[in-house]
PDB file of N, CA and C in Angstrom:
ATOM      1  N   MET A   1       1.944  49.382 -11.780  1.00  0.00           N
ATOM      2  CA  MET A   1       0.887  48.427 -12.074  1.00  0.00           C
ATOM      3  C   MET A   1       1.472  47.071 -12.437  1.00  0.00           C
ATOM      4  N   ALA A   2       2.521  47.068 -13.267  1.00  0.00           N
ATOM      5  CA  ALA A   2       3.139  45.846 -13.709  1.00  0.00           C
ATOM      6  C   ALA A   2       3.753  45.080 -12.554  1.00  0.00           C
ATOM      7  N   ALA A   3       4.363  45.815 -11.611  1.00  0.00           N
ATOM      8  CA  ALA A   3       4.988  45.203 -10.438  1.00  0.00           C
ATOM      9  C   ALA A   3       3.902  44.521  -9.555  1.00  0.00           C
ATOM     10  N   LYS A   4       2.751  45.187  -9.425  1.00  0.00           N
ATOM     11  CA  LYS A   4       1.668  44.633  -8.599  1.00  0.00           C
ATOM     12  C   LYS A   4       1.130  43.347  -9.222  1.00  0.00           C
ATOM     13  N   CYS A   5       1.035  43.288 -10.546  1.00  0.00           N
ATOM     14  CA  CYS A   5       0.543  42.095 -11.239  1.00  0.00           C
ATOM     15  C   CYS A   5       1.572  40.966 -11.078  1.00  0.00           C
ATOM     16  N   SER A   6       2.863  41.279 -11.127  1.00  0.00           N
ATOM     17  CA  SER A   6       3.884  40.254 -10.958  1.00  0.00           C
ATOM     18  C   SER A   6       3.848  39.646  -9.578  1.00  0.00           C
ATOM     19  N   VAL A   7       3.646  40.488  -8.558  1.00  0.00           N
ATOM     20  CA  VAL A   7       3.558  40.004  -7.200  1.00  0.00           C
ATOM     21  C   VAL A   7       2.337  39.118  -7.023  1.00  0.00           C
ATOM     22  N   THR A   8       1.201  39.543  -7.573  1.00  0.00           N
ATOM     23  CA  THR A   8      -0.041  38.739  -7.480  1.00  0.00           C
ATOM     24  C   THR A   8       0.114  37.411  -8.192  1.00  0.00           C
ATOM     25  N   LEU A   9       0.720  37.426  -9.367  1.00  0.00           N
ATOM     26  CA  LEU A   9       0.952  36.192 -10.123  1.00  0.00           C
ATOM     27  C   LEU A   9       1.884  35.273  -9.371  1.00  0.00           C
ATOM     28  N   ALA A  10       2.956  35.801  -8.793  1.00  0.00           N
ATOM     29  CA  ALA A  10       3.893  35.013  -8.028  1.00  0.00           C
ATOM     30  C   ALA A  10       3.245  34.378  -6.818  1.00  0.00           C
ATOM     31  N   ALA A  11       2.347  35.134  -6.154  1.00  0.00           N
ATOM     32  CA  ALA A  11       1.657  34.620  -5.000  1.00  0.00           C
ATOM     33  C   ALA A  11       0.722  33.452  -5.410  1.00  0.00           C
ATOM     34  N   MET A  12       0.052  33.591  -6.564  1.00  0.00           N
ATOM     35  CA  MET A  12      -0.820  32.527  -7.038  1.00  0.00           C
ATOM     36  C   MET A  12      -0.004  31.267  -7.372  1.00  0.00           C
ATOM     37  N   VAL A  13       1.142  31.440  -7.999  1.00  0.00           N
ATOM     38  CA  VAL A  13       1.982  30.303  -8.359  1.00  0.00           C
ATOM     39  C   VAL A  13       2.449  29.563  -7.078  1.00  0.00           C
ATOM     40  N   VAL A  14       2.873  30.326  -6.090  1.00  0.00           N
ATOM     41  CA  VAL A  14       3.319  29.735  -4.820  1.00  0.00           C
ATOM     42  C   VAL A  14       2.154  28.961  -4.163  1.00  0.00           C
ATOM     43  N   ALA A  15       0.962  29.537  -4.181  1.00  0.00           N
ATOM     44  CA  ALA A  15      -0.208  28.879  -3.590  1.00  0.00           C
ATOM     45  C   ALA A  15      -0.542  27.578  -4.326  1.00  0.00           C
ATOM     46  N   ILE A  16      -0.490  27.592  -5.651  1.00  0.00           N
ATOM     47  CA  ILE A  16      -0.774  26.407  -6.455  1.00  0.00           C
ATOM     48  C   ILE A  16       0.272  25.310  -6.169  1.00  0.00           C
ATOM     49  N   LEU A  17       1.561  25.687  -6.099  1.00  0.00           N
ATOM     50  CA  LEU A  17       2.596  24.723  -5.806  1.00  0.00           C
ATOM     51  C   LEU A  17       2.442  24.139  -4.399  1.00  0.00           C
ATOM     52  N   ALA A  18       2.042  24.956  -3.425  1.00  0.00           N
ATOM     53  CA  ALA A  18       1.844  24.461  -2.057  1.00  0.00           C
ATOM     54  C   ALA A  18       0.725  23.434  -2.013  1.00  0.00           C
ATOM     55  N   VAL A  19      -0.365  23.675  -2.726  1.00  0.00           N
ATOM     56  CA  VAL A  19      -1.472  22.711  -2.773  1.00  0.00           C
ATOM     57  C   VAL A  19      -1.021  21.429  -3.463  1.00  0.00           C
ATOM     58  N   ALA A  20      -0.304  21.545  -4.573  1.00  0.00           N
ATOM     59  CA  ALA A  20       0.149  20.364  -5.278  1.00  0.00           C
ATOM     60  C   ALA A  20       1.094  19.519  -4.442  1.00  0.00           C
ATOM     61  N   MET A  21       1.981  20.150  -3.672  1.00  0.00           N
ATOM     62  CA  MET A  21       2.887  19.438  -2.802  1.00  0.00           C
ATOM     63  C   MET A  21       2.129  18.733  -1.684  1.00  0.00           C
ATOM     64  N   ALA A  22       1.129  19.397  -1.132  1.00  0.00           N
ATOM     65  CA  ALA A  22       0.340  18.818  -0.060  1.00  0.00           C
ATOM     66  C   ALA A  22      -0.407  17.580  -0.535  1.00  0.00           C
ATOM     67  N   ILE A  23      -0.939  17.649  -1.738  1.00  0.00           N
ATOM     68  CA  ILE A  23      -1.687  16.516  -2.301  1.00  0.00           C
ATOM     69  C   ILE A  23      -0.711  15.370  -2.584  1.00  0.00           C
ATOM     70  N   GLY A  24       0.428  15.657  -3.109  1.00  0.00           N
ATOM     71  CA  GLY A  24       1.399  14.619  -3.514  1.00  0.00           C
ATOM     72  C   GLY A  24       2.169  14.041  -2.360  1.00  0.00           C
ATOM     73  N   SER A  25       2.075  14.605  -1.167  1.00  0.00           N
ATOM     74  CA  SER A  25       2.928  14.141  -0.061  1.00  0.00           C
ATOM     75  C   SER A  25       2.163  13.213   0.893  1.00  0.00           C
ATOM     76  N   THR A  26       1.044  12.641   0.468  1.00  0.00           N
ATOM     77  CA  THR A  26       0.351  11.692   1.350  1.00  0.00           C
ATOM     78  C   THR A  26       1.263  10.504   1.572  1.00  0.00           C
ATOM     79  N   GLU A  27       1.293  10.038   2.809  1.00  0.00           N
ATOM     80  CA  GLU A  27       2.190   8.940   3.162  1.00  0.00           C
ATOM     81  C   GLU A  27       1.734   7.648   2.526  1.00  0.00           C
ATOM     82  N   ALA A  28       2.685   6.839   2.117  1.00  0.00           N
ATOM     83  CA  ALA A  28       2.380   5.532   1.528  1.00  0.00           C
ATOM     84  C   ALA A  28       1.957   4.590   2.651  1.00  0.00           C
ATOM     85  N   THR A  29       1.064   3.685   2.330  1.00  0.00           N
ATOM     86  CA  THR A  29       0.604   2.692   3.261  1.00  0.00           C
ATOM     87  C   THR A  29       1.220   1.369   2.894  1.00  0.00           C
ATOM     88  N   SER A  30       1.564   0.580   3.901  1.00  0.00           N
ATOM     89  CA  SER A  30       2.015  -0.788   3.645  1.00  0.00           C
ATOM     90  C   SER A  30       0.983  -1.513   2.824  1.00  0.00           C
ATOM     91  N   HIS A  31       1.397  -2.405   1.957  1.00  0.00           N
ATOM     92  CA  HIS A  31       0.468  -3.171   1.141  1.00  0.00           C
ATOM     93  C   HIS A  31       1.059  -4.547   0.823  1.00  0.00           C
ATOM     94  N   LEU A  32       0.175  -5.423   0.324  1.00  0.00           N
ATOM     95  CA  LEU A  32       0.591  -6.755  -0.050  1.00  0.00           C
ATOM     96  C   LEU A  32       0.147  -7.020  -1.466  1.00  0.00           C
ATOM     97  N   THR A  33       1.125  -7.433  -2.303  1.00  0.00           N
ATOM     98  CA  THR A  33       0.822  -7.853  -3.664  1.00  0.00           C
ATOM     99  C   THR A  33       0.731  -9.359  -3.673  1.00  0.00           C
ATOM    100  N   SER A  34      -0.304  -9.908  -4.295  1.00  0.00           N
ATOM    101  CA  SER A  34      -0.407 -11.374  -4.437  1.00  0.00           C
ATOM    102  C   SER A  34      -0.458 -11.737  -5.887  1.00  0.00           C
ATOM    103  N   TRP A  35       0.134 -12.906  -6.246  1.00  0.00           N
ATOM    104  CA  TRP A  35       0.222 -13.369  -7.620  1.00  0.00           C
ATOM    105  C   TRP A  35      -0.648 -14.605  -7.836  1.00  0.00           C
ATOM    106  N   ALA A  36      -1.148 -14.729  -9.076  1.00  0.00           N
ATOM    107  CA  ALA A  36      -1.982 -15.849  -9.464  1.00  0.00           C
ATOM    108  C   ALA A  36      -1.168 -17.012  -9.994  1.00  0.00           C
ATOM    109  N   GLY A  37       0.045 -16.771 -10.492  1.00  0.00           N
ATOM    110  CA  GLY A  37       0.818 -17.832 -11.151  1.00  0.00           C
ATOM    111  C   GLY A  37       2.010 -18.280 -10.308  1.00  0.00           C
ATOM    112  N   PRO A  38       2.562 -19.429 -10.682  1.00  0.00           N
ATOM    113  CA  PRO A  38       3.729 -19.978  -9.974  1.00  0.00           C
ATOM    114  C   PRO A  38       4.956 -19.071 -10.103  1.00  0.00           C
ATOM    115  N   GLY A  39       5.777 -19.071  -9.058  1.00  0.00           N
ATOM    116  CA  GLY A  39       6.979 -18.295  -9.115  1.00  0.00           C
ATOM    117  C   GLY A  39       6.749 -16.799  -9.106  1.00  0.00           C
ATOM    118  N   CYS A  40       5.666 -16.373  -8.477  1.00  0.00           N
ATOM    119  CA  CYS A  40       5.290 -14.945  -8.430  1.00  0.00           C
ATOM    120  C   CYS A  40       5.142 -14.377  -9.852  1.00  0.00           C
ATOM    121  N   SER A  41       4.282 -15.011 -10.629  1.00  0.00           N
ATOM    122  CA  SER A  41       4.040 -14.595 -11.997  1.00  0.00           C
ATOM    123  C   SER A  41       2.535 -14.486 -12.258  1.00  0.00           C
ATOM    124  N   GLY A  42       2.190 -13.983 -13.405  1.00  0.00           N
ATOM    125  CA  GLY A  42       0.777 -13.896 -13.805  1.00  0.00           C
ATOM    126  C   GLY A  42       0.081 -12.667 -13.227  1.00  0.00           C
ATOM    127  N   GLN A  43      -1.215 -12.765 -13.089  1.00  0.00           N
ATOM    128  CA  GLN A  43      -2.015 -11.675 -12.593  1.00  0.00           C
ATOM    129  C   GLN A  43      -1.633 -11.294 -11.168  1.00  0.00           C
ATOM    130  N   THR A  44      -1.801 -10.023 -10.848  1.00  0.00           N
ATOM    131  CA  THR A  44      -1.554  -9.554  -9.477  1.00  0.00           C
ATOM    132  C   THR A  44      -2.748  -8.848  -8.925  1.00  0.00           C
ATOM    133  N   ALA A  45      -2.795  -8.795  -7.621  1.00  0.00           N
ATOM    134  CA  ALA A  45      -3.819  -8.023  -6.900  1.00  0.00           C
ATOM    135  C   ALA A  45      -3.137  -7.384  -5.715  1.00  0.00           C
ATOM    136  N   ILE A  46      -3.563  -6.200  -5.323  1.00  0.00           N
ATOM    137  CA  ILE A  46      -2.948  -5.479  -4.216  1.00  0.00           C
ATOM    138  C   ILE A  46      -3.978  -5.291  -3.094  1.00  0.00           C
ATOM    139  N   ALA A  47      -3.591  -5.692  -1.879  1.00  0.00           N
ATOM    140  CA  ALA A  47      -4.379  -5.406  -0.704  1.00  0.00           C
ATOM    141  C   ALA A  47      -3.623  -4.323   0.056  1.00  0.00           C
ATOM    142  N   GLY A  48      -4.222  -3.126   0.139  1.00  0.00           N
ATOM    143  CA  GLY A  48      -3.515  -2.008   0.752  1.00  0.00           C
ATOM    144  C   GLY A  48      -4.340  -1.187   1.707  1.00  0.00           C
ATOM    145  N   SER A  49      -5.569  -1.637   1.968  1.00  0.00           N
ATOM    146  CA  SER A  49      -6.424  -0.864   2.872  1.00  0.00           C
ATOM    147  C   SER A  49      -6.080  -1.173   4.324  1.00  0.00           C
ATOM    148  N   CYS A  50      -6.251  -0.201   5.168  1.00  0.00           N
ATOM    149  CA  CYS A  50      -6.086  -0.452   6.596  1.00  0.00           C
ATOM    150  C   CYS A  50      -7.161  -1.431   7.042  1.00  0.00           C
ATOM    151  N   GLY A  51      -6.812  -2.317   7.982  1.00  0.00           N
ATOM    152  CA  GLY A  51      -7.781  -3.306   8.446  1.00  0.00           C
ATOM    153  C   GLY A  51      -7.651  -4.598   7.666  1.00  0.00           C
ATOM    154  N   CYS A  52      -8.703  -5.391   7.674  1.00  0.00           N
ATOM    155  CA  CYS A  52      -8.684  -6.724   7.087  1.00  0.00           C
ATOM    156  C   CYS A  52      -9.047  -6.710   5.614  1.00  0.00           C
ATOM    157  N   SER A  53      -8.267  -7.476   4.827  1.00  0.00           N
ATOM    158  CA  SER A  53      -8.545  -7.667   3.397  1.00  0.00           C
ATOM    159  C   SER A  53      -8.281  -9.137   3.071  1.00  0.00           C
ATOM    160  N   ASN A  54      -9.180  -9.733   2.300  1.00  0.00           N
ATOM    161  CA  ASN A  54      -8.936 -11.092   1.799  1.00  0.00           C
ATOM    162  C   ASN A  54      -7.998 -11.021   0.619  1.00  0.00           C
ATOM    163  N   LEU A  55      -7.121 -11.993   0.505  1.00  0.00           N
ATOM    164  CA  LEU A  55      -6.190 -12.072  -0.643  1.00  0.00           C
ATOM    165  C   LEU A  55      -6.968 -12.639  -1.832  1.00  0.00           C
ATOM    166  N   GLN A  56      -6.650 -12.109  -3.002  1.00  0.00           N
ATOM    167  CA  GLN A  56      -7.320 -12.556  -4.222  1.00  0.00           C
ATOM    168  C   GLN A  56      -6.601 -13.760  -4.831  1.00  0.00           C
ATOM    169  N   PHE A  57      -5.258 -13.764  -4.751  1.00  0.00           N
ATOM    170  CA  PHE A  57      -4.443 -14.862  -5.327  1.00  0.00           C
ATOM    171  C   PHE A  57      -3.560 -15.444  -4.259  1.00  0.00           C
ATOM    172  N   TYR A  58      -3.077 -16.686  -4.471  1.00  0.00           N
ATOM    173  CA  TYR A  58      -2.346 -17.390  -3.430  1.00  0.00           C
ATOM    174  C   TYR A  58      -0.985 -17.933  -3.843  1.00  0.00           C
ATOM    175  N   ASP A  59      -0.547 -17.743  -5.070  1.00  0.00           N
ATOM    176  CA  ASP A  59       0.693 -18.361  -5.555  1.00  0.00           C
ATOM    177  C   ASP A  59       1.933 -17.541  -5.285  1.00  0.00           C
ATOM    178  N   GLY A  60       1.839 -16.507  -4.536  1.00  0.00           N
ATOM    179  CA  GLY A  60       2.993 -15.688  -4.156  1.00  0.00           C
ATOM    180  C   GLY A  60       2.513 -14.409  -3.502  1.00  0.00           C
ATOM    181  N   GLN A  61       3.257 -13.907  -2.536  1.00  0.00           N
ATOM    182  CA  GLN A  61       2.939 -12.669  -1.861  1.00  0.00           C
ATOM    183  C   GLN A  61       4.198 -11.848  -1.634  1.00  0.00           C
ATOM    184  N   GLU A  62       4.020 -10.528  -1.752  1.00  0.00           N
ATOM    185  CA  GLU A  62       5.117  -9.608  -1.417  1.00  0.00           C
ATOM    186  C   GLU A  62       4.533  -8.504  -0.568  1.00  0.00           C
ATOM    187  N   LYS A  63       5.070  -8.372   0.646  1.00  0.00           N
ATOM    188  CA  LYS A  63       4.627  -7.331   1.581  1.00  0.00           C
ATOM    189  C   LYS A  63       5.593  -6.152   1.472  1.00  0.00           C
ATOM    190  N   SER A  64       5.043  -4.990   1.136  1.00  0.00           N
ATOM    191  CA  SER A  64       5.833  -3.761   1.098  1.00  0.00           C
ATOM    192  C   SER A  64       5.593  -3.002   2.387  1.00  0.00           C
ATOM    193  N   TYR A  65       6.624  -2.917   3.231  1.00  0.00           N
ATOM    194  CA  TYR A  65       6.517  -2.291   4.528  1.00  0.00           C
ATOM    195  C   TYR A  65       6.761  -0.793   4.410  1.00  0.00           C
ATOM    196  N   GLN A  66       5.796   0.002   4.821  1.00  0.00           N
ATOM    197  CA  GLN A  66       5.883   1.462   4.772  1.00  0.00           C
ATOM    198  C   GLN A  66       5.648   2.046   6.163  1.00  0.00           C
ATOM    199  N   GLY A  67       5.931   1.263   7.207  1.00  0.00           N
ATOM    200  CA  GLY A  67       5.770   1.732   8.582  1.00  0.00           C
ATOM    201  C   GLY A  67       4.616   1.123   9.350  1.00  0.00           C
ATOM    202  N   GLN A  68       3.740   0.455   8.628  1.00  0.00           N
ATOM    203  CA  GLN A  68       2.594  -0.170   9.288  1.00  0.00           C
ATOM    204  C   GLN A  68       2.814  -1.676   9.349  1.00  0.00           C
ATOM    205  N   THR A  69       2.708  -2.245  10.546  1.00  0.00           N
ATOM    206  CA  THR A  69       2.838  -3.719  10.650  1.00  0.00           C
ATOM    207  C   THR A  69       1.562  -4.338  10.129  1.00  0.00           C
ATOM    208  N   ALA A  70       1.629  -5.630   9.881  1.00  0.00           N
ATOM    209  CA  ALA A  70       0.485  -6.372   9.364  1.00  0.00           C
ATOM    210  C   ALA A  70       0.510  -7.804   9.885  1.00  0.00           C
ATOM    211  N   ARG A  71      -0.611  -8.462   9.848  1.00  0.00           N
ATOM    212  CA  ARG A  71      -0.704  -9.866  10.193  1.00  0.00           C
ATOM    213  C   ARG A  71      -1.306 -10.620   9.013  1.00  0.00           C
ATOM    214  N   LEU A  72      -0.645 -11.679   8.602  1.00  0.00           N
ATOM    215  CA  LEU A  72      -1.186 -12.560   7.604  1.00  0.00           C
ATOM    216  C   LEU A  72      -1.959 -13.687   8.327  1.00  0.00           C
ATOM    217  N   TYR A  73      -3.079 -14.090   7.742  1.00  0.00           N
ATOM    218  CA  TYR A  73      -3.960 -15.100   8.379  1.00  0.00           C
ATOM    219  C   TYR A  73      -4.163 -16.293   7.426  1.00  0.00           C
ATOM    220  N   THR A  74      -4.393 -17.474   8.039  1.00  0.00           N
ATOM    221  CA  THR A  74      -4.573 -18.683   7.277  1.00  0.00           C
ATOM    222  C   THR A  74      -6.012 -18.845   6.766  1.00  0.00           C
ATOM    223  N   GLU A  75      -6.919 -18.008   7.233  1.00  0.00           N
ATOM    224  CA  GLU A  75      -8.319 -18.070   6.760  1.00  0.00           C
ATOM    225  C   GLU A  75      -8.764 -16.711   6.291  1.00  0.00           C
ATOM    226  N   THR A  76      -9.784 -16.660   5.439  1.00  0.00           N
ATOM    227  CA  THR A  76     -10.369 -15.377   5.014  1.00  0.00           C
ATOM    228  C   THR A  76     -10.976 -14.709   6.241  1.00  0.00           C
ATOM    229  N   GLY A  77     -11.200 -13.423   6.122  1.00  0.00           N
ATOM    230  CA  GLY A  77     -11.809 -12.643   7.203  1.00  0.00           C
ATOM    231  C   GLY A  77     -10.879 -12.452   8.422  1.00  0.00           C
ATOM    232  N   CYS A  78      -9.576 -12.608   8.174  1.00  0.00           N
ATOM    233  CA  CYS A  78      -8.555 -12.417   9.218  1.00  0.00           C
ATOM    234  C   CYS A  78      -8.832 -13.349  10.416  1.00  0.00           C
ATOM    235  N   ALA A  79      -9.082 -14.612  10.103  1.00  0.00           N
ATOM    236  CA  ALA A  79      -9.289 -15.636  11.133  1.00  0.00           C
ATOM    237  C   ALA A  79      -8.209 -16.703  10.988  1.00  0.00           C
ATOM    238  N   GLY A  80      -8.130 -17.572  11.943  1.00  0.00           N
ATOM    239  CA  GLY A  80      -7.146 -18.665  11.915  1.00  0.00           C
ATOM    240  C   GLY A  80      -5.826 -18.236  12.500  1.00  0.00           C
ATOM    241  N   THR A  81      -4.794 -18.982  12.171  1.00  0.00           N
ATOM    242  CA  THR A  81      -3.451 -18.720  12.654  1.00  0.00           C
ATOM    243  C   THR A  81      -2.907 -17.489  11.967  1.00  0.00           C
ATOM    244  N   SER A  82      -2.206 -16.623  12.732  1.00  0.00           N
ATOM    245  CA  SER A  82      -1.661 -15.392  12.161  1.00  0.00           C
ATOM    246  C   SER A  82      -0.143 -15.356  12.276  1.00  0.00           C
ATOM    247  N   TYR A  83       0.442 -14.500  11.438  1.00  0.00           N
ATOM    248  CA  TYR A  83       1.903 -14.308  11.441  1.00  0.00           C
ATOM    249  C   TYR A  83       2.149 -12.808  11.314  1.00  0.00           C
ATOM    250  N   LEU A  84       2.890 -12.243  12.252  1.00  0.00           N
ATOM    251  CA  LEU A  84       3.206 -10.814  12.266  1.00  0.00           C
ATOM    252  C   LEU A  84       4.272 -10.484  11.226  1.00  0.00           C
ATOM    253  N   VAL A  85       4.024  -9.475  10.368  1.00  0.00           N
ATOM    254  CA  VAL A  85       4.981  -9.019   9.369  1.00  0.00           C
ATOM    255  C   VAL A  85       5.343  -7.568   9.680  1.00  0.00           C
ATOM    256  N   PHE A  86       6.652  -7.323   9.878  1.00  0.00           N
ATOM    257  CA  PHE A  86       7.086  -5.953  10.225  1.00  0.00           C
ATOM    258  C   PHE A  86       8.243  -5.500   9.358  1.00  0.00           C
ATOM    259  N   GLU A  87       8.379  -6.097   8.164  1.00  0.00           N
ATOM    260  CA  GLU A  87       9.419  -5.704   7.219  1.00  0.00           C
ATOM    261  C   GLU A  87       9.021  -6.114   5.822  1.00  0.00           C
ATOM    262  N   ASP A  88       9.775  -5.639   4.796  1.00  0.00           N
ATOM    263  CA  ASP A  88       9.552  -6.105   3.439  1.00  0.00           C
ATOM    264  C   ASP A  88       9.816  -7.595   3.379  1.00  0.00           C
ATOM    265  N   THR A  89       8.929  -8.308   2.690  1.00  0.00           N
ATOM    266  CA  THR A  89       9.138  -9.747   2.540  1.00  0.00           C
ATOM    267  C   THR A  89       8.457 -10.232   1.275  1.00  0.00           C
ATOM    268  N   GLN A  90       9.033 -11.246   0.654  1.00  0.00           N
ATOM    269  CA  GLN A  90       8.444 -11.852  -0.563  1.00  0.00           C
ATOM    270  C   GLN A  90       8.609 -13.363  -0.474  1.00  0.00           C
ATOM    271  N   ALA A  91       7.539 -14.084  -0.832  1.00  0.00           N
ATOM    272  CA  ALA A  91       7.557 -15.533  -0.872  1.00  0.00           C
ATOM    273  C   ALA A  91       6.762 -15.997  -2.071  1.00  0.00           C
ATOM    274  N   CYS A  92       7.379 -16.797  -2.908  1.00  0.00           N
ATOM    275  CA  CYS A  92       6.684 -17.335  -4.097  1.00  0.00           C
ATOM    276  C   CYS A  92       6.254 -18.751  -3.789  1.00  0.00           C
ATOM    277  N   GLY A  93       4.971 -18.982  -3.925  1.00  0.00           N
ATOM    278  CA  GLY A  93       4.387 -20.279  -3.569  1.00  0.00           C
ATOM    279  C   GLY A  93       3.181 -20.064  -2.686  1.00  0.00           C
ATOM    280  N   ASP A  94       2.368 -21.105  -2.558  1.00  0.00           N
ATOM    281  CA  ASP A  94       1.181 -21.003  -1.684  1.00  0.00           C
ATOM    282  C   ASP A  94       1.600 -21.439  -0.269  1.00  0.00           C
ATOM    283  N   PHE A  95       1.697 -20.472   0.617  1.00  0.00           N
ATOM    284  CA  PHE A  95       2.088 -20.744   1.985  1.00  0.00           C
ATOM    285  C   PHE A  95       0.867 -20.750   2.908  1.00  0.00           C
ATOM    286  N   GLY A  96      -0.325 -20.728   2.345  1.00  0.00           N
ATOM    287  CA  GLY A  96      -1.534 -20.851   3.147  1.00  0.00           C
ATOM    288  C   GLY A  96      -2.141 -19.552   3.608  1.00  0.00           C
ATOM    289  N   TRP A  97      -1.586 -18.398   3.252  1.00  0.00           N
ATOM    290  CA  TRP A  97      -2.138 -17.130   3.696  1.00  0.00           C
ATOM    291  C   TRP A  97      -3.376 -16.798   2.861  1.00  0.00           C
ATOM    292  N   ARG A  98      -4.467 -16.412   3.526  1.00  0.00           N
ATOM    293  CA  ARG A  98      -5.713 -16.124   2.840  1.00  0.00           C
ATOM    294  C   ARG A  98      -6.239 -14.697   3.073  1.00  0.00           C
ATOM    295  N   SER A  99      -5.673 -14.032   4.088  1.00  0.00           N
ATOM    296  CA  SER A  99      -6.115 -12.643   4.362  1.00  0.00           C
ATOM    297  C   SER A  99      -4.976 -11.925   5.090  1.00  0.00           C
ATOM    298  N   ILE A 100      -5.126 -10.603   5.097  1.00  0.00           N
ATOM    299  CA  ILE A 100      -4.109  -9.734   5.771  1.00  0.00           C
ATOM    300  C   ILE A 100      -4.830  -8.609   6.496  1.00  0.00           C
ATOM    301  N   SER A 101      -4.298  -8.242   7.666  1.00  0.00           N
ATOM    302  CA  SER A 101      -4.809  -7.104   8.405  1.00  0.00           C
ATOM    303  C   SER A 101      -3.647  -6.121   8.567  1.00  0.00           C
ATOM    304  N   ILE A 102      -3.809  -4.930   7.994  1.00  0.00           N
ATOM    305  CA  ILE A 102      -2.778  -3.888   8.073  1.00  0.00           C
ATOM    306  C   ILE A 102      -3.147  -2.896   9.184  1.00  0.00           C
ATOM    307  N   ASP A 103      -2.204  -2.695  10.102  1.00  0.00           N
ATOM    308  CA  ASP A 103      -2.425  -1.801  11.224  1.00  0.00           C
ATOM    309  C   ASP A 103      -2.055  -0.376  10.839  1.00  0.00           C
ATOM    310  N   CYS A 104      -3.048   0.490  10.705  1.00  0.00           N
ATOM    311  CA  CYS A 104      -2.785   1.882  10.349  1.00  0.00           C
ATOM    312  C   CYS A 104      -3.153   2.808  11.476  1.00  0.00           C
TER     313      CYS A 104
END
């Protein structure tokens, strides 16, 4: 009886660990952090959704590349002139970017 309980308990533990690993292994998505203050300081906001997102702050941006390319745009709503970003990049200062579209 004790051996049967140990096997059942071990099976439950393995099942719980498998579920926990599956939940924790979701792939990271590329995202952009924007800063409100000069020199990439002050408040931050993160745009990380697939598709178009307007930037909240303009005094610095850092693109974290996780496999998804993105385009930065000079106008909100992903309009205006665009720039393709396909790697990690950081720029402190207002370079005119107002929105980002992440390709997922």
